[in-house]
């Protein structure tokens, strides 16, 4: 009797072990796959294609991940676009070619980019892989680009190391991109103030008074333009925000009727030192000024801007 019970216990134990072994094998295979450099690069390219910043950040080294986290969304998007050479958000998919190499397709309405990942060359904790980037519909390979992608093992996980011959150094790149973004945003702010000025004058002619707010310059919710929604500027500018700057509009004095009515416009960086440095001010005489006020409103004492 005891022998029979022991036999039953052993059989149950073996059956349970038989169930566990496939699960263990699956988990081991998944772990091996997650540590495969080609698979990791595939996931990097797919997250870049879909502009998934959160997922992409998981493939960065600790130093680069910290810098990436504080980059502006525009700078993050710029970085991700570089990996798939597309300006639009894409729909990624992947497959293996006849040689077993992974291929990522980044599909957009305009074009599909094909990214072919070659066999990795692993040297200690660094892996190098050839990457061929081309238009999926191009049979001539006229615009094909070939680069070497580098990954480094950090805490037993492969992380992005280099793009071509350039090491990925996001703290340095972030500073460069911030400077470039500031310059572009400041140019946009000046252009936007001029656009608002033109729209306000058109509004004055049409309705014989100044608009009470910038909102009145914006597009109508429905139907034809009228005084509360004149359709003279786009919605973002009518809301007082565009390209990292906030816009303020003030009627000077009590009179808002006719040609003598005077107004002032100001553009202030939303995040000083990141989205812009200079503040811009259009005085009541129509003269545009610009100066660094560390995020405060500019004044007519600032240098003139043509």
C-alpha atoms as a PDB file:
ATOM      1  CA  UNK A   1       0.000   0.000   0.000  1.00  0.00           C
ATOM      2  CA  UNK A   2       2.761   2.385   0.950  1.00  0.00           C
ATOM      3  CA  UNK A   3       4.656   1.417  -2.207  1.00  0.00           C
ATOM      4  CA  UNK A   4       1.607   2.245  -4.328  1.00  0.00           C
ATOM      5  CA  UNK A   5       1.197   5.685  -2.665  1.00  0.00           C
ATOM      6  CA  UNK A   6       4.884   6.409  -3.152  1.00  0.00           C
ATOM      7  CA  UNK A   7       4.582   5.484  -6.802  1.00  0.00           C
ATOM      8  CA  UNK A   8       1.598   7.813  -7.209  1.00  0.00           C
ATOM      9  CA  UNK A   9       3.504  10.678  -5.563  1.00  0.00           C
ATOM     10  CA  UNK A  10       6.469  10.124  -7.862  1.00  0.00           C
ATOM     11  CA  UNK A  11       4.234  10.022 -10.934  1.00  0.00           C
ATOM     12  CA  UNK A  12       2.492  13.259  -9.892  1.00  0.00           C
ATOM     13  CA  UNK A  13       5.869  14.882  -9.296  1.00  0.00           C
ATOM     14  CA  UNK A  14       7.136  13.819 -12.708  1.00  0.00           C
ATOM     15  CA  UNK A  15       3.962  15.089 -14.370  1.00  0.00           C
ATOM     16  CA  UNK A  16       4.331  18.463 -12.617  1.00  0.00           C
ATOM     17  CA  UNK A  17       7.983  18.624 -13.645  1.00  0.00           C
ATOM     18  CA  UNK A  18       6.978  17.835 -17.233  1.00  0.00           C
ATOM     19  CA  UNK A  19       4.687  20.864 -17.162  1.00  0.00           C
ATOM     20  CA  UNK A  20       7.397  23.109 -15.764  1.00  0.00           C
ATOM     21  CA  UNK A  21      10.109  22.147 -18.258  1.00  0.00           C
ATOM     22  CA  UNK A  22       8.394  23.669 -21.333  1.00  0.00           C
ATOM     23  CA  UNK A  23       7.736  26.892 -19.370  1.00  0.00           C
ATOM     24  CA  UNK A  24      11.360  27.033 -18.313  1.00  0.00           C
ATOM     25  CA  UNK A  25      12.475  26.434 -21.895  1.00  0.00           C
ATOM     26  CA  UNK A  26      10.188  29.219 -23.155  1.00  0.00           C
ATOM     27  CA  UNK A  27      11.491  31.656 -20.542  1.00  0.00           C
ATOM     28  CA  UNK A  28      15.088  30.723 -21.338  1.00  0.00           C
ATOM     29  CA  UNK A  29      14.435  31.275 -25.047  1.00  0.00           C
ATOM     30  CA  UNK A  30      12.848  34.656 -24.300  1.00  0.00           C
ATOM     31  CA  UNK A  31      15.817  35.639 -22.138  1.00  0.00           C
ATOM     32  CA  UNK A  32      18.242  34.592 -24.871  1.00  0.00           C
ATOM     33  CA  UNK A  33      16.247  36.565 -27.425  1.00  0.00           C
ATOM     34  CA  UNK A  34      16.229  39.687 -25.246  1.00  0.00           C
ATOM     35  CA  UNK A  35      20.008  39.433 -25.017  1.00  0.00           C
ATOM     36  CA  UNK A  36      20.463  38.955 -28.752  1.00  0.00           C
ATOM     37  CA  UNK A  37      21.976  42.165 -30.209  1.00  0.00           C
ATOM     38  CA  UNK A  38      20.125  41.859 -33.527  1.00  0.00           C
ATOM     39  CA  UNK A  39      16.768  41.484 -31.757  1.00  0.00           C
ATOM     40  CA  UNK A  40      17.528  44.468 -29.529  1.00  0.00           C
ATOM     41  CA  UNK A  41      18.469  46.590 -32.553  1.00  0.00           C
ATOM     42  CA  UNK A  42      15.242  45.512 -34.246  1.00  0.00           C
ATOM     43  CA  UNK A  43      13.265  46.739 -31.225  1.00  0.00           C
ATOM     44  CA  UNK A  44      15.231  50.012 -31.194  1.00  0.00           C
ATOM     45  CA  UNK A  45      14.374  50.632 -34.851  1.00  0.00           C
ATOM     46  CA  UNK A  46      10.718  49.734 -34.355  1.00  0.00           C
ATOM     47  CA  UNK A  47      10.347  52.095 -31.391  1.00  0.00           C
ATOM     48  CA  UNK A  48      12.065  54.815 -33.456  1.00  0.00           C
ATOM     49  CA  UNK A  49       9.658  54.230 -36.327  1.00  0.00           C
ATOM     50  CA  UNK A  50       6.581  54.546 -34.113  1.00  0.00           C
ATOM     51  CA  UNK A  51       8.119  57.499 -32.196  1.00  0.00           C
ATOM     52  CA  UNK A  52       7.699  55.570 -28.938  1.00  0.00           C
ATOM     53  CA  UNK A  53      10.033  57.637 -26.747  1.00  0.00           C
ATOM     54  CA  UNK A  54       9.285  55.691 -23.576  1.00  0.00           C
ATOM     55  CA  UNK A  55      10.185  52.343 -25.114  1.00  0.00           C
ATOM     56  CA  UNK A  56      13.209  53.785 -26.916  1.00  0.00           C
ATOM     57  CA  UNK A  57      14.572  55.128 -23.622  1.00  0.00           C
ATOM     58  CA  UNK A  58      14.780  51.568 -22.311  1.00  0.00           C
ATOM     59  CA  UNK A  59      17.486  50.801 -24.869  1.00  0.00           C
ATOM     60  CA  UNK A  60      19.764  53.654 -23.762  1.00  0.00           C
ATOM     61  CA  UNK A  61      22.685  53.467 -21.357  1.00  0.00           C
ATOM     62  CA  UNK A  62      22.021  54.940 -17.927  1.00  0.00           C
ATOM     63  CA  UNK A  63      23.913  58.156 -18.762  1.00  0.00           C
ATOM     64  CA  UNK A  64      22.101  58.662 -22.061  1.00  0.00           C
ATOM     65  CA  UNK A  65      18.724  57.710 -20.595  1.00  0.00           C
ATOM     66  CA  UNK A  66      19.055  60.465 -17.979  1.00  0.00           C
ATOM     67  CA  UNK A  67      19.852  63.040 -20.660  1.00  0.00           C
ATOM     68  CA  UNK A  68      17.062  61.773 -22.933  1.00  0.00           C
ATOM     69  CA  UNK A  69      14.498  62.140 -20.133  1.00  0.00           C
ATOM     70  CA  UNK A  70      15.062  65.908 -19.852  1.00  0.00           C
ATOM     71  CA  UNK A  71      15.205  66.613 -23.580  1.00  0.00           C
ATOM     72  CA  UNK A  72      12.261  68.487 -25.068  1.00  0.00           C
ATOM     73  CA  UNK A  73       9.714  66.344 -26.937  1.00  0.00           C
ATOM     74  CA  UNK A  74      10.835  67.982 -30.183  1.00  0.00           C
ATOM     75  CA  UNK A  75      14.473  67.014 -29.555  1.00  0.00           C
ATOM     76  CA  UNK A  76      13.453  63.461 -28.624  1.00  0.00           C
ATOM     77  CA  UNK A  77      11.475  63.179 -31.849  1.00  0.00           C
ATOM     78  CA  UNK A  78      14.435  64.501 -33.852  1.00  0.00           C
ATOM     79  CA  UNK A  79      16.670  61.791 -32.411  1.00  0.00           C
ATOM     80  CA  UNK A  80      14.204  58.994 -33.152  1.00  0.00           C
ATOM     81  CA  UNK A  81      13.679  60.220 -36.720  1.00  0.00           C
ATOM     82  CA  UNK A  82      17.410  59.915 -37.408  1.00  0.00           C
ATOM     83  CA  UNK A  83      17.316  56.160 -36.940  1.00  0.00           C
ATOM     84  CA  UNK A  84      14.695  55.525 -39.624  1.00  0.00           C
ATOM     85  CA  UNK A  85      15.369  58.593 -41.808  1.00  0.00           C
ATOM     86  CA  UNK A  86      11.700  59.614 -41.812  1.00  0.00           C
ATOM     87  CA  UNK A  87       9.941  62.780 -40.671  1.00  0.00           C
ATOM     88  CA  UNK A  88       6.581  61.091 -40.083  1.00  0.00           C
ATOM     89  CA  UNK A  89       5.451  58.633 -37.445  1.00  0.00           C
ATOM     90  CA  UNK A  90       5.452  55.187 -39.012  1.00  0.00           C
ATOM     91  CA  UNK A  91       3.847  51.797 -38.496  1.00  0.00           C
ATOM     92  CA  UNK A  92       6.668  49.273 -37.908  1.00  0.00           C
ATOM     93  CA  UNK A  93       6.747  45.589 -38.723  1.00  0.00           C
ATOM     94  CA  UNK A  94       9.578  43.066 -38.951  1.00  0.00           C
ATOM     95  CA  UNK A  95      10.395  39.756 -40.587  1.00  0.00           C
ATOM     96  CA  UNK A  96      13.355  37.517 -41.302  1.00  0.00           C
ATOM     97  CA  UNK A  97      14.819  37.376 -44.813  1.00  0.00           C
ATOM     98  CA  UNK A  98      15.942  34.232 -46.644  1.00  0.00           C
ATOM     99  CA  UNK A  99      19.296  34.320 -44.806  1.00  0.00           C
ATOM    100  CA  UNK A 100      17.641  34.596 -41.407  1.00  0.00           C
ATOM    101  CA  UNK A 101      18.586  38.264 -40.950  1.00  0.00           C
ATOM    102  CA  UNK A 102      16.026  40.573 -39.349  1.00  0.00           C
ATOM    103  CA  UNK A 103      14.414  43.232 -41.532  1.00  0.00           C
ATOM    104  CA  UNK A 104      12.364  46.152 -40.179  1.00  0.00           C
ATOM    105  CA  UNK A 105       9.860  48.001 -42.331  1.00  0.00           C
ATOM    106  CA  UNK A 106       8.795  51.493 -41.234  1.00  0.00           C
ATOM    107  CA  UNK A 107       5.595  52.247 -43.142  1.00  0.00           C
ATOM    108  CA  UNK A 108       4.262  55.793 -43.614  1.00  0.00           C
ATOM    109  CA  UNK A 109       1.657  57.123 -46.072  1.00  0.00           C
ATOM    110  CA  UNK A 110       4.428  58.668 -48.162  1.00  0.00           C
ATOM    111  CA  UNK A 111       7.206  56.070 -48.120  1.00  0.00           C
ATOM    112  CA  UNK A 112       8.295  52.790 -46.564  1.00  0.00           C
ATOM    113  CA  UNK A 113      11.832  52.528 -45.218  1.00  0.00           C
ATOM    114  CA  UNK A 114      13.444  49.091 -45.172  1.00  0.00           C
ATOM    115  CA  UNK A 115      16.167  48.473 -42.568  1.00  0.00           C
ATOM    116  CA  UNK A 116      18.166  45.266 -42.941  1.00  0.00           C
ATOM    117  CA  UNK A 117      20.142  44.118 -39.878  1.00  0.00           C
ATOM    118  CA  UNK A 118      23.259  42.072 -40.559  1.00  0.00           C
ATOM    119  CA  UNK A 119      24.937  39.438 -38.412  1.00  0.00           C
ATOM    120  CA  UNK A 120      26.407  40.861 -35.179  1.00  0.00           C
ATOM    121  CA  UNK A 121      30.121  40.845 -34.481  1.00  0.00           C
ATOM    122  CA  UNK A 122      30.551  40.576 -30.723  1.00  0.00           C
ATOM    123  CA  UNK A 123      33.763  41.622 -28.991  1.00  0.00           C
ATOM    124  CA  UNK A 124      33.600  41.200 -25.227  1.00  0.00           C
ATOM    125  CA  UNK A 125      30.813  43.584 -24.138  1.00  0.00           C
ATOM    126  CA  UNK A 126      30.411  45.374 -27.465  1.00  0.00           C
ATOM    127  CA  UNK A 127      28.431  44.246 -30.512  1.00  0.00           C
ATOM    128  CA  UNK A 128      28.669  45.742 -34.002  1.00  0.00           C
ATOM    129  CA  UNK A 129      26.067  45.163 -36.693  1.00  0.00           C
ATOM    130  CA  UNK A 130      25.833  46.344 -40.310  1.00  0.00           C
ATOM    131  CA  UNK A 131      22.582  48.136 -41.084  1.00  0.00           C
ATOM    132  CA  UNK A 132      21.328  48.752 -44.619  1.00  0.00           C
ATOM    133  CA  UNK A 133      18.692  51.490 -44.925  1.00  0.00           C
ATOM    134  CA  UNK A 134      16.771  52.010 -48.157  1.00  0.00           C
ATOM    135  CA  UNK A 135      13.441  52.843 -49.739  1.00  0.00           C
ATOM    136  CA  UNK A 136      11.502  49.577 -49.868  1.00  0.00           C
ATOM    137  CA  UNK A 137      10.264  50.397 -53.400  1.00  0.00           C
ATOM    138  CA  UNK A 138      13.704  51.341 -54.756  1.00  0.00           C
ATOM    139  CA  UNK A 139      15.082  48.477 -56.860  1.00  0.00           C
ATOM    140  CA  UNK A 140      18.180  50.392 -57.955  1.00  0.00           C
ATOM    141  CA  UNK A 141      19.663  50.933 -54.458  1.00  0.00           C
ATOM    142  CA  UNK A 142      20.393  54.510 -55.556  1.00  0.00           C
ATOM    143  CA  UNK A 143      19.606  55.949 -52.131  1.00  0.00           C
ATOM    144  CA  UNK A 144      20.763  53.016 -50.035  1.00  0.00           C
ATOM    145  CA  UNK A 145      22.774  53.864 -46.920  1.00  0.00           C
ATOM    146  CA  UNK A 146      25.025  51.511 -45.010  1.00  0.00           C
ATOM    147  CA  UNK A 147      26.098  52.129 -41.412  1.00  0.00           C
ATOM    148  CA  UNK A 148      27.527  50.145 -38.538  1.00  0.00           C
ATOM    149  CA  UNK A 149      25.410  50.160 -35.385  1.00  0.00           C
ATOM    150  CA  UNK A 150      27.040  49.591 -32.004  1.00  0.00           C
ATOM    151  CA  UNK A 151      25.556  48.138 -28.824  1.00  0.00           C
ATOM    152  CA  UNK A 152      27.198  47.790 -25.431  1.00  0.00           C
ATOM    153  CA  UNK A 153      26.299  45.349 -22.674  1.00  0.00           C
ATOM    154  CA  UNK A 154      25.234  47.190 -19.494  1.00  0.00           C
ATOM    155  CA  UNK A 155      23.893  45.229 -16.516  1.00  0.00           C
ATOM    156  CA  UNK A 156      23.681  42.181 -18.810  1.00  0.00           C
ATOM    157  CA  UNK A 157      21.436  43.986 -21.316  1.00  0.00           C
ATOM    158  CA  UNK A 158      22.381  45.354 -24.718  1.00  0.00           C
ATOM    159  CA  UNK A 159      22.138  49.147 -24.931  1.00  0.00           C
ATOM    160  CA  UNK A 160      22.632  51.544 -27.819  1.00  0.00           C
ATOM    161  CA  UNK A 161      26.254  52.680 -28.120  1.00  0.00           C
ATOM    162  CA  UNK A 162      26.852  54.263 -31.512  1.00  0.00           C
ATOM    163  CA  UNK A 163      25.263  55.295 -34.775  1.00  0.00           C
ATOM    164  CA  UNK A 164      27.772  54.753 -37.537  1.00  0.00           C
ATOM    165  CA  UNK A 165      31.160  55.961 -36.326  1.00  0.00           C
ATOM    166  CA  UNK A 166      29.632  58.427 -33.852  1.00  0.00           C
ATOM    167  CA  UNK A 167      29.242  57.471 -30.220  1.00  0.00           C
ATOM    168  CA  UNK A 168      25.786  58.281 -28.915  1.00  0.00           C
ATOM    169  CA  UNK A 169      26.503  61.019 -26.378  1.00  0.00           C
ATOM    170  CA  UNK A 170      23.111  62.507 -25.563  1.00  0.00           C
ATOM    171  CA  UNK A 171      24.245  64.983 -22.885  1.00  0.00           C
ATOM    172  CA  UNK A 172      26.409  66.711 -25.506  1.00  0.00           C
ATOM    173  CA  UNK A 173      23.848  66.330 -28.296  1.00  0.00           C
ATOM    174  CA  UNK A 174      21.088  67.703 -26.058  1.00  0.00           C
ATOM    175  CA  UNK A 175      23.032  70.903 -25.515  1.00  0.00           C
ATOM    176  CA  UNK A 176      23.609  71.304 -29.250  1.00  0.00           C
ATOM    177  CA  UNK A 177      19.968  70.621 -30.075  1.00  0.00           C
ATOM    178  CA  UNK A 178      18.769  73.003 -27.371  1.00  0.00           C
ATOM    179  CA  UNK A 179      20.851  75.782 -28.928  1.00  0.00           C
ATOM    180  CA  UNK A 180      19.539  74.970 -32.403  1.00  0.00           C
ATOM    181  CA  UNK A 181      15.954  74.769 -31.154  1.00  0.00           C
ATOM    182  CA  UNK A 182      16.297  78.115 -29.351  1.00  0.00           C
ATOM    183  CA  UNK A 183      17.493  79.797 -32.542  1.00  0.00           C
ATOM    184  CA  UNK A 184      14.652  78.301 -34.587  1.00  0.00           C
ATOM    185  CA  UNK A 185      12.041  79.177 -31.970  1.00  0.00           C
ATOM    186  CA  UNK A 186      13.262  82.775 -31.704  1.00  0.00           C
ATOM    187  CA  UNK A 187      13.008  83.193 -35.478  1.00  0.00           C
ATOM    188  CA  UNK A 188       9.519  81.718 -35.331  1.00  0.00           C
ATOM    189  CA  UNK A 189       8.521  84.081 -32.485  1.00  0.00           C
ATOM    190  CA  UNK A 190       9.566  87.153 -34.482  1.00  0.00           C
ATOM    191  CA  UNK A 191       7.668  85.865 -37.526  1.00  0.00           C
ATOM    192  CA  UNK A 192       4.608  85.137 -35.370  1.00  0.00           C
ATOM    193  CA  UNK A 193       4.536  88.648 -33.883  1.00  0.00           C
ATOM    194  CA  UNK A 194       4.631  90.073 -37.400  1.00  0.00           C
ATOM    195  CA  UNK A 195       1.860  87.670 -38.451  1.00  0.00           C
ATOM    196  CA  UNK A 196      -0.260  88.755 -35.480  1.00  0.00           C
ATOM    197  CA  UNK A 197       0.319  92.410 -36.302  1.00  0.00           C
ATOM    198  CA  UNK A 198      -0.914  91.911 -39.867  1.00  0.00           C
ATOM    199  CA  UNK A 199      -3.949  89.969 -38.618  1.00  0.00           C
ATOM    200  CA  UNK A 200      -4.827  92.643 -36.039  1.00  0.00           C
ATOM    201  CA  UNK A 201      -4.708  95.374 -38.693  1.00  0.00           C
ATOM    202  CA  UNK A 202      -6.945  93.307 -40.985  1.00  0.00           C
ATOM    203  CA  UNK A 203      -9.342  92.830 -38.087  1.00  0.00           C
ATOM    204  CA  UNK A 204      -9.309  96.590 -37.415  1.00  0.00           C
ATOM    205  CA  UNK A 205     -10.256  97.306 -41.040  1.00  0.00           C
ATOM    206  CA  UNK A 206     -13.014  94.677 -41.103  1.00  0.00           C
ATOM    207  CA  UNK A 207     -14.641  95.452 -37.741  1.00  0.00           C
ATOM    208  CA  UNK A 208     -13.502  99.081 -37.111  1.00  0.00           C
ATOM    209  CA  UNK A 209     -12.022  98.165 -33.745  1.00  0.00           C
ATOM    210  CA  UNK A 210      -9.252  96.079 -32.230  1.00  0.00           C
ATOM    211  CA  UNK A 211      -9.884  92.472 -31.188  1.00  0.00           C
ATOM    212  CA  UNK A 212     -10.362  92.060 -27.441  1.00  0.00           C
ATOM    213  CA  UNK A 213      -8.184  88.918 -27.366  1.00  0.00           C
ATOM    214  CA  UNK A 214      -6.024  86.874 -29.713  1.00  0.00           C
ATOM    215  CA  UNK A 215      -8.755  84.244 -29.696  1.00  0.00           C
ATOM    216  CA  UNK A 216     -10.917  86.521 -31.852  1.00  0.00           C
ATOM    217  CA  UNK A 217      -8.302  86.227 -34.609  1.00  0.00           C
ATOM    218  CA  UNK A 218      -8.574  82.438 -34.744  1.00  0.00           C
ATOM    219  CA  UNK A 219     -10.539  80.166 -37.063  1.00  0.00           C
ATOM    220  CA  UNK A 220     -14.308  79.833 -36.537  1.00  0.00           C
ATOM    221  CA  UNK A 221     -15.651  76.670 -34.921  1.00  0.00           C
ATOM    222  CA  UNK A 222     -18.085  76.402 -37.812  1.00  0.00           C
ATOM    223  CA  UNK A 223     -19.581  78.609 -40.466  1.00  0.00           C
ATOM    224  CA  UNK A 224     -18.189  81.834 -41.870  1.00  0.00           C
ATOM    225  CA  UNK A 225     -15.651  84.028 -40.045  1.00  0.00           C
ATOM    226  CA  UNK A 226     -17.053  86.821 -37.894  1.00  0.00           C
ATOM    227  CA  UNK A 227     -15.863  89.190 -35.186  1.00  0.00           C
ATOM    228  CA  UNK A 228     -15.516  86.572 -32.428  1.00  0.00           C
ATOM    229  CA  UNK A 229     -13.622  84.165 -34.736  1.00  0.00           C
ATOM    230  CA  UNK A 230     -12.238  86.113 -37.677  1.00  0.00           C
ATOM    231  CA  UNK A 231     -10.184  83.312 -39.238  1.00  0.00           C
ATOM    232  CA  UNK A 232      -7.059  85.457 -39.608  1.00  0.00           C
ATOM    233  CA  UNK A 233      -4.505  83.194 -37.891  1.00  0.00           C
ATOM    234  CA  UNK A 234      -4.217  79.492 -37.134  1.00  0.00           C
ATOM    235  CA  UNK A 235      -5.592  77.995 -33.923  1.00  0.00           C
ATOM    236  CA  UNK A 236      -2.240  77.594 -32.139  1.00  0.00           C
ATOM    237  CA  UNK A 237      -1.305  81.244 -32.567  1.00  0.00           C
ATOM    238  CA  UNK A 238      -4.806  82.369 -31.594  1.00  0.00           C
ATOM    239  CA  UNK A 239      -4.410  80.364 -28.374  1.00  0.00           C
ATOM    240  CA  UNK A 240      -1.210  82.305 -27.603  1.00  0.00           C
ATOM    241  CA  UNK A 241       1.257  79.412 -28.003  1.00  0.00           C
ATOM    242  CA  UNK A 242       3.564  78.456 -30.851  1.00  0.00           C
ATOM    243  CA  UNK A 243       7.015  76.856 -31.128  1.00  0.00           C
ATOM    244  CA  UNK A 244       8.019  77.215 -27.495  1.00  0.00           C
ATOM    245  CA  UNK A 245       6.785  80.792 -27.041  1.00  0.00           C
ATOM    246  CA  UNK A 246       3.759  82.313 -25.306  1.00  0.00           C
ATOM    247  CA  UNK A 247       2.202  85.431 -26.851  1.00  0.00           C
ATOM    248  CA  UNK A 248       0.533  88.295 -24.982  1.00  0.00           C
ATOM    249  CA  UNK A 249      -1.657  90.996 -26.479  1.00  0.00           C
ATOM    250  CA  UNK A 250      -2.599  94.207 -24.666  1.00  0.00           C
ATOM    251  CA  UNK A 251      -4.733  97.163 -25.791  1.00  0.00           C
ATOM    252  CA  UNK A 252      -3.025 100.336 -24.566  1.00  0.00           C
ATOM    253  CA  UNK A 253      -5.464 102.826 -23.037  1.00  0.00           C
ATOM    254  CA  UNK A 254      -9.241 102.640 -22.937  1.00  0.00           C
ATOM    255  CA  UNK A 255      -9.866 103.177 -26.641  1.00  0.00           C
ATOM    256  CA  UNK A 256     -10.047 100.145 -28.929  1.00  0.00           C
ATOM    257  CA  UNK A 257     -11.998 101.768 -31.774  1.00  0.00           C
ATOM    258  CA  UNK A 258     -10.689 103.025 -35.101  1.00  0.00           C
ATOM    259  CA  UNK A 259      -7.241 103.868 -36.364  1.00  0.00           C
ATOM    260  CA  UNK A 260      -5.959 105.673 -33.208  1.00  0.00           C
ATOM    261  CA  UNK A 261      -6.359 102.552 -31.030  1.00  0.00           C
ATOM    262  CA  UNK A 262      -2.970 101.259 -29.850  1.00  0.00           C
ATOM    263  CA  UNK A 263      -1.883  97.777 -28.840  1.00  0.00           C
ATOM    264  CA  UNK A 264       1.273  95.948 -27.766  1.00  0.00           C
ATOM    265  CA  UNK A 265       2.441  92.373 -28.398  1.00  0.00           C
ATOM    266  CA  UNK A 266       4.939  90.293 -26.457  1.00  0.00           C
ATOM    267  CA  UNK A 267       6.500  86.868 -26.968  1.00  0.00           C
ATOM    268  CA  UNK A 268       8.035  85.096 -23.965  1.00  0.00           C
ATOM    269  CA  UNK A 269       9.825  81.717 -23.951  1.00  0.00           C
ATOM    270  CA  UNK A 270       7.662  79.035 -22.347  1.00  0.00           C
ATOM    271  CA  UNK A 271      10.741  77.479 -20.755  1.00  0.00           C
ATOM    272  CA  UNK A 272      13.622  79.925 -20.526  1.00  0.00           C
ATOM    273  CA  UNK A 273      16.901  78.461 -21.725  1.00  0.00           C
ATOM    274  CA  UNK A 274      15.217  75.461 -23.358  1.00  0.00           C
ATOM    275  CA  UNK A 275      12.557  76.742 -25.755  1.00  0.00           C
ATOM    276  CA  UNK A 276      13.968  80.232 -26.070  1.00  0.00           C
ATOM    277  CA  UNK A 277      16.265  82.827 -24.502  1.00  0.00           C
ATOM    278  CA  UNK A 278      15.208  86.247 -25.782  1.00  0.00           C
ATOM    279  CA  UNK A 279      11.874  87.941 -25.106  1.00  0.00           C
ATOM    280  CA  UNK A 280      10.307  89.992 -27.892  1.00  0.00           C
ATOM    281  CA  UNK A 281       8.159  93.109 -27.583  1.00  0.00           C
ATOM    282  CA  UNK A 282       6.232  95.125 -30.213  1.00  0.00           C
ATOM    283  CA  UNK A 283       5.543  98.574 -28.839  1.00  0.00           C
ATOM    284  CA  UNK A 284       2.554 100.801 -29.524  1.00  0.00           C
ATOM    285  CA  UNK A 285       4.328 102.418 -32.471  1.00  0.00           C
ATOM    286  CA  UNK A 286       4.875  99.104 -34.197  1.00  0.00           C
ATOM    287  CA  UNK A 287       8.602  98.830 -33.409  1.00  0.00           C
ATOM    288  CA  UNK A 288       9.845  95.329 -32.548  1.00  0.00           C
ATOM    289  CA  UNK A 289      12.402  94.874 -29.752  1.00  0.00           C
ATOM    290  CA  UNK A 290      14.250  91.859 -28.409  1.00  0.00           C
ATOM    291  CA  UNK A 291      16.362  91.118 -25.334  1.00  0.00           C
ATOM    292  CA  UNK A 292      17.237  88.461 -22.791  1.00  0.00           C
ATOM    293  CA  UNK A 293      15.027  88.927 -19.723  1.00  0.00           C
ATOM    294  CA  UNK A 294      15.448  85.394 -18.341  1.00  0.00           C
ATOM    295  CA  UNK A 295      11.867  84.578 -19.259  1.00  0.00           C
ATOM    296  CA  UNK A 296      10.254  87.908 -18.295  1.00  0.00           C
ATOM    297  CA  UNK A 297       8.421  90.246 -20.668  1.00  0.00           C
ATOM    298  CA  UNK A 298      10.572  92.463 -22.904  1.00  0.00           C
ATOM    299  CA  UNK A 299      10.453  96.247 -22.993  1.00  0.00           C
ATOM    300  CA  UNK A 300      10.785  99.082 -25.489  1.00  0.00           C
ATOM    301  CA  UNK A 301      14.262  99.692 -24.064  1.00  0.00           C
ATOM    302  CA  UNK A 302      15.489  96.470 -25.705  1.00  0.00           C
ATOM    303  CA  UNK A 303      17.443  96.636 -28.992  1.00  0.00           C
ATOM    304  CA  UNK A 304      15.326  97.063 -32.106  1.00  0.00           C
ATOM    305  CA  UNK A 305      14.802  94.104 -34.436  1.00  0.00           C
ATOM    306  CA  UNK A 306      14.244  94.671 -38.131  1.00  0.00           C
END
